[in-house]
């Protein structure tokens, strides 16, 4: 097997475990169960990973890399501020789905070493978002906002929207709920003259693709 094929296989196995971490503790999971959720035998799993610790470390490495993605949140010109906001919305959606509160608390309780790496990457992302909001407001693209509260808003509301019981309770469809939330949030942040010309097609495609791919796991 070529090295790139091996890397792709490892990434897919990690993705399957991350999906499972929405319900179960990765740190408390036995190696046998990890292999089962990867859809492999335990022997085959250990052909790709040397230990459970390597698996957990790779999962957190993926999370950190996503939070620290510096190609997200570009800040040059009004179009870039708008694109930066849309990229931040995509990030928030993916973070709250793949790396839920349950996922973070599992590492906080059971693996302090890796949790410190999560917390550091979260702080990095907050600083990038804060800079985006402040510079966007200075350029007249965004309304002045409290960055911490806006980010908390994403965490609390997106988590509820991604909860199937919440959707059932309020007779909501996931795709419509996410689109409505995006519309609500952008109107809080983006000045009216930019709202009128803003292209939202990429977010609409993102949400449709996300729902089609992940509904069965919610």
C-alpha atoms as a PDB file:
ATOM      1  CA  UNK A   1       0.000   0.000   0.000  1.00  0.00           C
ATOM      2  CA  UNK A   2       1.353   3.431  -0.967  1.00  0.00           C
ATOM      3  CA  UNK A   3       1.989   5.900   1.848  1.00  0.00           C
ATOM      4  CA  UNK A   4      -0.771   8.286   0.720  1.00  0.00           C
ATOM      5  CA  UNK A   5      -3.267   5.402   0.632  1.00  0.00           C
ATOM      6  CA  UNK A   6      -2.222   4.437   4.145  1.00  0.00           C
ATOM      7  CA  UNK A   7      -2.681   8.024   5.337  1.00  0.00           C
ATOM      8  CA  UNK A   8      -6.137   8.182   3.739  1.00  0.00           C
ATOM      9  CA  UNK A   9      -7.107   4.938   5.477  1.00  0.00           C
ATOM     10  CA  UNK A  10      -5.907   6.268   8.826  1.00  0.00           C
ATOM     11  CA  UNK A  11      -7.854   9.501   8.349  1.00  0.00           C
ATOM     12  CA  UNK A  12     -11.044   7.592   7.521  1.00  0.00           C
ATOM     13  CA  UNK A  13     -10.657   5.387  10.605  1.00  0.00           C
ATOM     14  CA  UNK A  14     -10.145   8.477  12.765  1.00  0.00           C
ATOM     15  CA  UNK A  15     -13.247  10.093  11.249  1.00  0.00           C
ATOM     16  CA  UNK A  16     -15.360   7.062  12.192  1.00  0.00           C
ATOM     17  CA  UNK A  17     -14.131   7.260  15.775  1.00  0.00           C
ATOM     18  CA  UNK A  18     -14.801  10.997  15.982  1.00  0.00           C
ATOM     19  CA  UNK A  19     -18.397  10.362  14.899  1.00  0.00           C
ATOM     20  CA  UNK A  20     -18.678   7.780  17.665  1.00  0.00           C
ATOM     21  CA  UNK A  21     -17.276  10.225  20.219  1.00  0.00           C
ATOM     22  CA  UNK A  22     -20.536  12.200  19.997  1.00  0.00           C
ATOM     23  CA  UNK A  23     -22.015   9.474  22.226  1.00  0.00           C
ATOM     24  CA  UNK A  24     -19.177   7.539  23.836  1.00  0.00           C
ATOM     25  CA  UNK A  25     -15.966   8.370  25.689  1.00  0.00           C
ATOM     26  CA  UNK A  26     -12.937   7.796  23.494  1.00  0.00           C
ATOM     27  CA  UNK A  27     -10.637   7.789  26.504  1.00  0.00           C
ATOM     28  CA  UNK A  28     -12.622   5.035  28.231  1.00  0.00           C
ATOM     29  CA  UNK A  29     -13.158   3.005  25.055  1.00  0.00           C
ATOM     30  CA  UNK A  30     -11.427  -0.358  24.821  1.00  0.00           C
ATOM     31  CA  UNK A  31      -9.159  -1.049  21.861  1.00  0.00           C
ATOM     32  CA  UNK A  32     -11.568  -3.793  20.767  1.00  0.00           C
ATOM     33  CA  UNK A  33     -14.408  -1.291  20.574  1.00  0.00           C
ATOM     34  CA  UNK A  34     -12.285   1.238  18.713  1.00  0.00           C
ATOM     35  CA  UNK A  35     -11.533  -1.400  16.100  1.00  0.00           C
ATOM     36  CA  UNK A  36     -15.231  -2.287  15.848  1.00  0.00           C
ATOM     37  CA  UNK A  37     -16.223   1.336  15.225  1.00  0.00           C
ATOM     38  CA  UNK A  38     -13.432   1.640  12.661  1.00  0.00           C
ATOM     39  CA  UNK A  39     -14.984  -1.439  11.006  1.00  0.00           C
ATOM     40  CA  UNK A  40     -11.748  -3.385  11.363  1.00  0.00           C
ATOM     41  CA  UNK A  41     -10.356  -6.241  13.367  1.00  0.00           C
ATOM     42  CA  UNK A  42      -8.149  -5.316  16.303  1.00  0.00           C
ATOM     43  CA  UNK A  43      -5.175  -6.927  14.521  1.00  0.00           C
ATOM     44  CA  UNK A  44      -5.755  -4.799  11.412  1.00  0.00           C
ATOM     45  CA  UNK A  45      -6.170  -1.641  13.494  1.00  0.00           C
ATOM     46  CA  UNK A  46      -2.737  -2.176  14.990  1.00  0.00           C
ATOM     47  CA  UNK A  47      -1.243  -2.378  11.519  1.00  0.00           C
ATOM     48  CA  UNK A  48      -2.177   1.291  11.139  1.00  0.00           C
ATOM     49  CA  UNK A  49      -1.669   2.542  14.706  1.00  0.00           C
ATOM     50  CA  UNK A  50       0.926   1.550  17.274  1.00  0.00           C
ATOM     51  CA  UNK A  51      -1.298   2.151  20.306  1.00  0.00           C
ATOM     52  CA  UNK A  52      -4.532   3.626  21.627  1.00  0.00           C
ATOM     53  CA  UNK A  53      -2.540   6.676  22.729  1.00  0.00           C
ATOM     54  CA  UNK A  54      -1.399   7.267  19.145  1.00  0.00           C
ATOM     55  CA  UNK A  55      -5.037   7.131  18.018  1.00  0.00           C
ATOM     56  CA  UNK A  56      -6.132   9.688  20.619  1.00  0.00           C
ATOM     57  CA  UNK A  57      -3.155  11.922  19.838  1.00  0.00           C
ATOM     58  CA  UNK A  58      -3.969  11.841  16.120  1.00  0.00           C
ATOM     59  CA  UNK A  59      -7.612  12.724  16.805  1.00  0.00           C
ATOM     60  CA  UNK A  60      -6.568  15.774  18.828  1.00  0.00           C
ATOM     61  CA  UNK A  61      -3.980  16.701  16.196  1.00  0.00           C
ATOM     62  CA  UNK A  62      -6.746  16.762  13.576  1.00  0.00           C
ATOM     63  CA  UNK A  63      -8.907  18.914  15.850  1.00  0.00           C
ATOM     64  CA  UNK A  64      -6.072  21.353  16.548  1.00  0.00           C
ATOM     65  CA  UNK A  65      -5.194  21.657  12.862  1.00  0.00           C
ATOM     66  CA  UNK A  66      -8.800  22.483  12.032  1.00  0.00           C
ATOM     67  CA  UNK A  67      -9.051  25.120  14.766  1.00  0.00           C
ATOM     68  CA  UNK A  68      -5.722  26.640  13.723  1.00  0.00           C
ATOM     69  CA  UNK A  69      -6.436  26.712   9.981  1.00  0.00           C
ATOM     70  CA  UNK A  70      -4.960  30.070   9.036  1.00  0.00           C
ATOM     71  CA  UNK A  71      -6.429  29.984   5.516  1.00  0.00           C
ATOM     72  CA  UNK A  72      -9.767  30.527   7.259  1.00  0.00           C
ATOM     73  CA  UNK A  73     -10.697  34.067   8.302  1.00  0.00           C
ATOM     74  CA  UNK A  74      -8.878  36.125   5.690  1.00  0.00           C
ATOM     75  CA  UNK A  75      -9.159  39.854   6.410  1.00  0.00           C
ATOM     76  CA  UNK A  76      -8.392  41.925   3.309  1.00  0.00           C
ATOM     77  CA  UNK A  77     -11.241  44.001   1.873  1.00  0.00           C
ATOM     78  CA  UNK A  78     -14.997  43.879   2.471  1.00  0.00           C
ATOM     79  CA  UNK A  79     -15.477  40.704   0.408  1.00  0.00           C
ATOM     80  CA  UNK A  80     -12.829  38.965   2.474  1.00  0.00           C
ATOM     81  CA  UNK A  81     -14.559  39.952   5.726  1.00  0.00           C
ATOM     82  CA  UNK A  82     -17.815  38.484   4.427  1.00  0.00           C
ATOM     83  CA  UNK A  83     -16.074  35.334   3.225  1.00  0.00           C
ATOM     84  CA  UNK A  84     -14.258  35.147   6.564  1.00  0.00           C
ATOM     85  CA  UNK A  85     -17.577  35.208   8.399  1.00  0.00           C
ATOM     86  CA  UNK A  86     -18.948  32.436   6.177  1.00  0.00           C
ATOM     87  CA  UNK A  87     -15.827  30.363   6.788  1.00  0.00           C
ATOM     88  CA  UNK A  88     -16.214  30.919  10.528  1.00  0.00           C
ATOM     89  CA  UNK A  89     -19.822  29.732  10.312  1.00  0.00           C
ATOM     90  CA  UNK A  90     -18.689  26.567   8.528  1.00  0.00           C
ATOM     91  CA  UNK A  91     -16.015  26.032  11.179  1.00  0.00           C
ATOM     92  CA  UNK A  92     -18.533  26.489  13.991  1.00  0.00           C
ATOM     93  CA  UNK A  93     -20.914  23.981  12.422  1.00  0.00           C
ATOM     94  CA  UNK A  94     -18.204  21.351  11.952  1.00  0.00           C
ATOM     95  CA  UNK A  95     -16.689  21.908  15.396  1.00  0.00           C
ATOM     96  CA  UNK A  96     -20.015  21.606  17.183  1.00  0.00           C
ATOM     97  CA  UNK A  97     -20.919  18.466  15.227  1.00  0.00           C
ATOM     98  CA  UNK A  98     -17.646  16.546  15.110  1.00  0.00           C
ATOM     99  CA  UNK A  99     -16.098  17.893  18.326  1.00  0.00           C
ATOM    100  CA  UNK A 100     -19.063  18.266  20.619  1.00  0.00           C
ATOM    101  CA  UNK A 101     -19.172  19.436  24.232  1.00  0.00           C
ATOM    102  CA  UNK A 102     -19.195  15.743  25.221  1.00  0.00           C
ATOM    103  CA  UNK A 103     -15.965  15.210  23.239  1.00  0.00           C
ATOM    104  CA  UNK A 104     -14.164  18.142  24.904  1.00  0.00           C
ATOM    105  CA  UNK A 105     -15.366  17.239  28.412  1.00  0.00           C
ATOM    106  CA  UNK A 106     -14.206  13.650  27.924  1.00  0.00           C
ATOM    107  CA  UNK A 107     -10.633  14.848  27.377  1.00  0.00           C
ATOM    108  CA  UNK A 108     -10.897  17.469  30.120  1.00  0.00           C
ATOM    109  CA  UNK A 109     -11.856  14.773  32.630  1.00  0.00           C
ATOM    110  CA  UNK A 110      -9.836  11.814  31.410  1.00  0.00           C
ATOM    111  CA  UNK A 111      -6.846  13.133  29.493  1.00  0.00           C
ATOM    112  CA  UNK A 112      -5.617  16.507  30.815  1.00  0.00           C
ATOM    113  CA  UNK A 113      -2.489  16.465  28.653  1.00  0.00           C
ATOM    114  CA  UNK A 114      -4.434  16.365  25.399  1.00  0.00           C
ATOM    115  CA  UNK A 115      -7.123  18.650  26.787  1.00  0.00           C
ATOM    116  CA  UNK A 116      -4.507  21.383  27.263  1.00  0.00           C
ATOM    117  CA  UNK A 117      -3.755  21.144  23.545  1.00  0.00           C
ATOM    118  CA  UNK A 118      -7.473  21.503  22.768  1.00  0.00           C
ATOM    119  CA  UNK A 119      -7.780  24.548  25.040  1.00  0.00           C
ATOM    120  CA  UNK A 120      -4.754  26.199  23.440  1.00  0.00           C
ATOM    121  CA  UNK A 121      -6.172  25.717  19.926  1.00  0.00           C
ATOM    122  CA  UNK A 122      -9.586  27.007  21.047  1.00  0.00           C
ATOM    123  CA  UNK A 123      -7.928  30.159  22.388  1.00  0.00           C
ATOM    124  CA  UNK A 124      -6.090  30.626  19.091  1.00  0.00           C
ATOM    125  CA  UNK A 125      -9.369  30.415  17.175  1.00  0.00           C
ATOM    126  CA  UNK A 126     -11.044  32.888  19.537  1.00  0.00           C
ATOM    127  CA  UNK A 127      -8.260  35.420  18.962  1.00  0.00           C
ATOM    128  CA  UNK A 128      -8.602  35.037  15.183  1.00  0.00           C
ATOM    129  CA  UNK A 129     -12.366  35.516  15.336  1.00  0.00           C
ATOM    130  CA  UNK A 130     -12.043  38.480  17.663  1.00  0.00           C
ATOM    131  CA  UNK A 131      -9.637  40.103  15.211  1.00  0.00           C
ATOM    132  CA  UNK A 132     -11.998  39.397  12.305  1.00  0.00           C
ATOM    133  CA  UNK A 133     -14.954  41.000  14.104  1.00  0.00           C
ATOM    134  CA  UNK A 134     -12.969  44.022  15.303  1.00  0.00           C
ATOM    135  CA  UNK A 135     -11.370  44.794  11.938  1.00  0.00           C
ATOM    136  CA  UNK A 136     -14.647  44.156  10.118  1.00  0.00           C
ATOM    137  CA  UNK A 137     -16.396  46.654  12.396  1.00  0.00           C
ATOM    138  CA  UNK A 138     -13.602  49.184  11.887  1.00  0.00           C
ATOM    139  CA  UNK A 139     -14.094  48.895   8.109  1.00  0.00           C
ATOM    140  CA  UNK A 140     -17.859  49.324   8.442  1.00  0.00           C
ATOM    141  CA  UNK A 141     -18.645  45.804   7.231  1.00  0.00           C
ATOM    142  CA  UNK A 142     -19.757  44.473  10.637  1.00  0.00           C
ATOM    143  CA  UNK A 143     -21.646  45.996  13.514  1.00  0.00           C
ATOM    144  CA  UNK A 144     -19.560  46.217  16.720  1.00  0.00           C
ATOM    145  CA  UNK A 145     -20.116  42.998  18.678  1.00  0.00           C
ATOM    146  CA  UNK A 146     -18.888  41.255  21.796  1.00  0.00           C
ATOM    147  CA  UNK A 147     -16.802  38.446  20.271  1.00  0.00           C
ATOM    148  CA  UNK A 148     -17.022  36.168  23.307  1.00  0.00           C
ATOM    149  CA  UNK A 149     -20.824  36.348  23.370  1.00  0.00           C
ATOM    150  CA  UNK A 150     -21.167  35.821  19.608  1.00  0.00           C
ATOM    151  CA  UNK A 151     -18.932  32.734  19.773  1.00  0.00           C
ATOM    152  CA  UNK A 152     -20.847  31.439  22.806  1.00  0.00           C
ATOM    153  CA  UNK A 153     -24.061  31.948  20.836  1.00  0.00           C
ATOM    154  CA  UNK A 154     -22.725  29.586  18.157  1.00  0.00           C
ATOM    155  CA  UNK A 155     -21.739  26.973  20.704  1.00  0.00           C
ATOM    156  CA  UNK A 156     -25.038  26.943  22.585  1.00  0.00           C
ATOM    157  CA  UNK A 157     -27.488  27.262  19.697  1.00  0.00           C
ATOM    158  CA  UNK A 158     -25.743  25.069  17.136  1.00  0.00           C
ATOM    159  CA  UNK A 159     -25.433  22.307  19.721  1.00  0.00           C
ATOM    160  CA  UNK A 160     -29.179  22.434  20.313  1.00  0.00           C
ATOM    161  CA  UNK A 161     -29.990  22.495  16.601  1.00  0.00           C
ATOM    162  CA  UNK A 162     -27.788  19.417  16.129  1.00  0.00           C
ATOM    163  CA  UNK A 163     -29.699  17.598  18.888  1.00  0.00           C
ATOM    164  CA  UNK A 164     -32.378  15.371  17.282  1.00  0.00           C
ATOM    165  CA  UNK A 165     -34.637  15.635  20.334  1.00  0.00           C
ATOM    166  CA  UNK A 166     -34.690  19.426  20.000  1.00  0.00           C
ATOM    167  CA  UNK A 167     -35.642  19.176  16.327  1.00  0.00           C
ATOM    168  CA  UNK A 168     -38.462  16.731  17.095  1.00  0.00           C
ATOM    169  CA  UNK A 169     -39.739  18.776  20.029  1.00  0.00           C
ATOM    170  CA  UNK A 170     -40.059  21.888  17.871  1.00  0.00           C
ATOM    171  CA  UNK A 171     -41.065  20.143  14.609  1.00  0.00           C
ATOM    172  CA  UNK A 172     -37.952  21.409  12.843  1.00  0.00           C
ATOM    173  CA  UNK A 173     -36.076  20.033   9.853  1.00  0.00           C
ATOM    174  CA  UNK A 174     -32.309  20.172  10.269  1.00  0.00           C
ATOM    175  CA  UNK A 175     -31.557  21.859   6.943  1.00  0.00           C
ATOM    176  CA  UNK A 176     -34.161  24.592   7.464  1.00  0.00           C
ATOM    177  CA  UNK A 177     -33.077  25.157  11.077  1.00  0.00           C
ATOM    178  CA  UNK A 178     -29.426  25.626  10.060  1.00  0.00           C
ATOM    179  CA  UNK A 179     -30.344  27.990   7.227  1.00  0.00           C
ATOM    180  CA  UNK A 180     -32.561  30.019   9.557  1.00  0.00           C
ATOM    181  CA  UNK A 181     -29.795  30.210  12.150  1.00  0.00           C
ATOM    182  CA  UNK A 182     -27.275  31.394   9.551  1.00  0.00           C
ATOM    183  CA  UNK A 183     -29.703  34.112   8.396  1.00  0.00           C
ATOM    184  CA  UNK A 184     -30.304  35.217  11.971  1.00  0.00           C
ATOM    185  CA  UNK A 185     -26.620  35.382  12.878  1.00  0.00           C
ATOM    186  CA  UNK A 186     -25.469  37.255   9.787  1.00  0.00           C
ATOM    187  CA  UNK A 187     -28.130  39.932  10.364  1.00  0.00           C
ATOM    188  CA  UNK A 188     -26.783  40.463  13.870  1.00  0.00           C
ATOM    189  CA  UNK A 189     -23.280  41.012  12.557  1.00  0.00           C
ATOM    190  CA  UNK A 190     -23.263  42.321   8.968  1.00  0.00           C
ATOM    191  CA  UNK A 191     -24.264  45.871   8.040  1.00  0.00           C
ATOM    192  CA  UNK A 192     -27.320  46.190   5.814  1.00  0.00           C
ATOM    193  CA  UNK A 193     -25.617  47.447   2.652  1.00  0.00           C
ATOM    194  CA  UNK A 194     -23.380  44.372   2.597  1.00  0.00           C
ATOM    195  CA  UNK A 195     -26.259  42.008   3.339  1.00  0.00           C
ATOM    196  CA  UNK A 196     -27.956  43.185   0.152  1.00  0.00           C
ATOM    197  CA  UNK A 197     -25.102  42.044  -2.108  1.00  0.00           C
ATOM    198  CA  UNK A 198     -23.790  39.085  -0.109  1.00  0.00           C
ATOM    199  CA  UNK A 199     -23.581  35.750  -1.957  1.00  0.00           C
ATOM    200  CA  UNK A 200     -24.952  33.007   0.317  1.00  0.00           C
ATOM    201  CA  UNK A 201     -24.862  30.165  -2.200  1.00  0.00           C
ATOM    202  CA  UNK A 202     -21.752  28.537  -0.696  1.00  0.00           C
ATOM    203  CA  UNK A 203     -23.438  28.275   2.723  1.00  0.00           C
ATOM    204  CA  UNK A 204     -26.609  26.848   1.213  1.00  0.00           C
ATOM    205  CA  UNK A 205     -24.549  24.174  -0.587  1.00  0.00           C
ATOM    206  CA  UNK A 206     -22.548  23.498   2.584  1.00  0.00           C
ATOM    207  CA  UNK A 207     -25.658  22.975   4.705  1.00  0.00           C
ATOM    208  CA  UNK A 208     -27.356  20.725   2.142  1.00  0.00           C
ATOM    209  CA  UNK A 209     -24.221  18.604   1.840  1.00  0.00           C
ATOM    210  CA  UNK A 210     -23.741  18.461   5.609  1.00  0.00           C
ATOM    211  CA  UNK A 211     -27.323  17.325   6.218  1.00  0.00           C
ATOM    212  CA  UNK A 212     -27.196  14.710   3.451  1.00  0.00           C
ATOM    213  CA  UNK A 213     -23.924  13.296   4.796  1.00  0.00           C
ATOM    214  CA  UNK A 214     -24.605  13.354   8.518  1.00  0.00           C
ATOM    215  CA  UNK A 215     -28.343  13.060   9.182  1.00  0.00           C
ATOM    216  CA  UNK A 216     -28.107   9.333   9.842  1.00  0.00           C
ATOM    217  CA  UNK A 217     -25.567   9.977  12.620  1.00  0.00           C
ATOM    218  CA  UNK A 218     -27.653  12.591  14.455  1.00  0.00           C
END
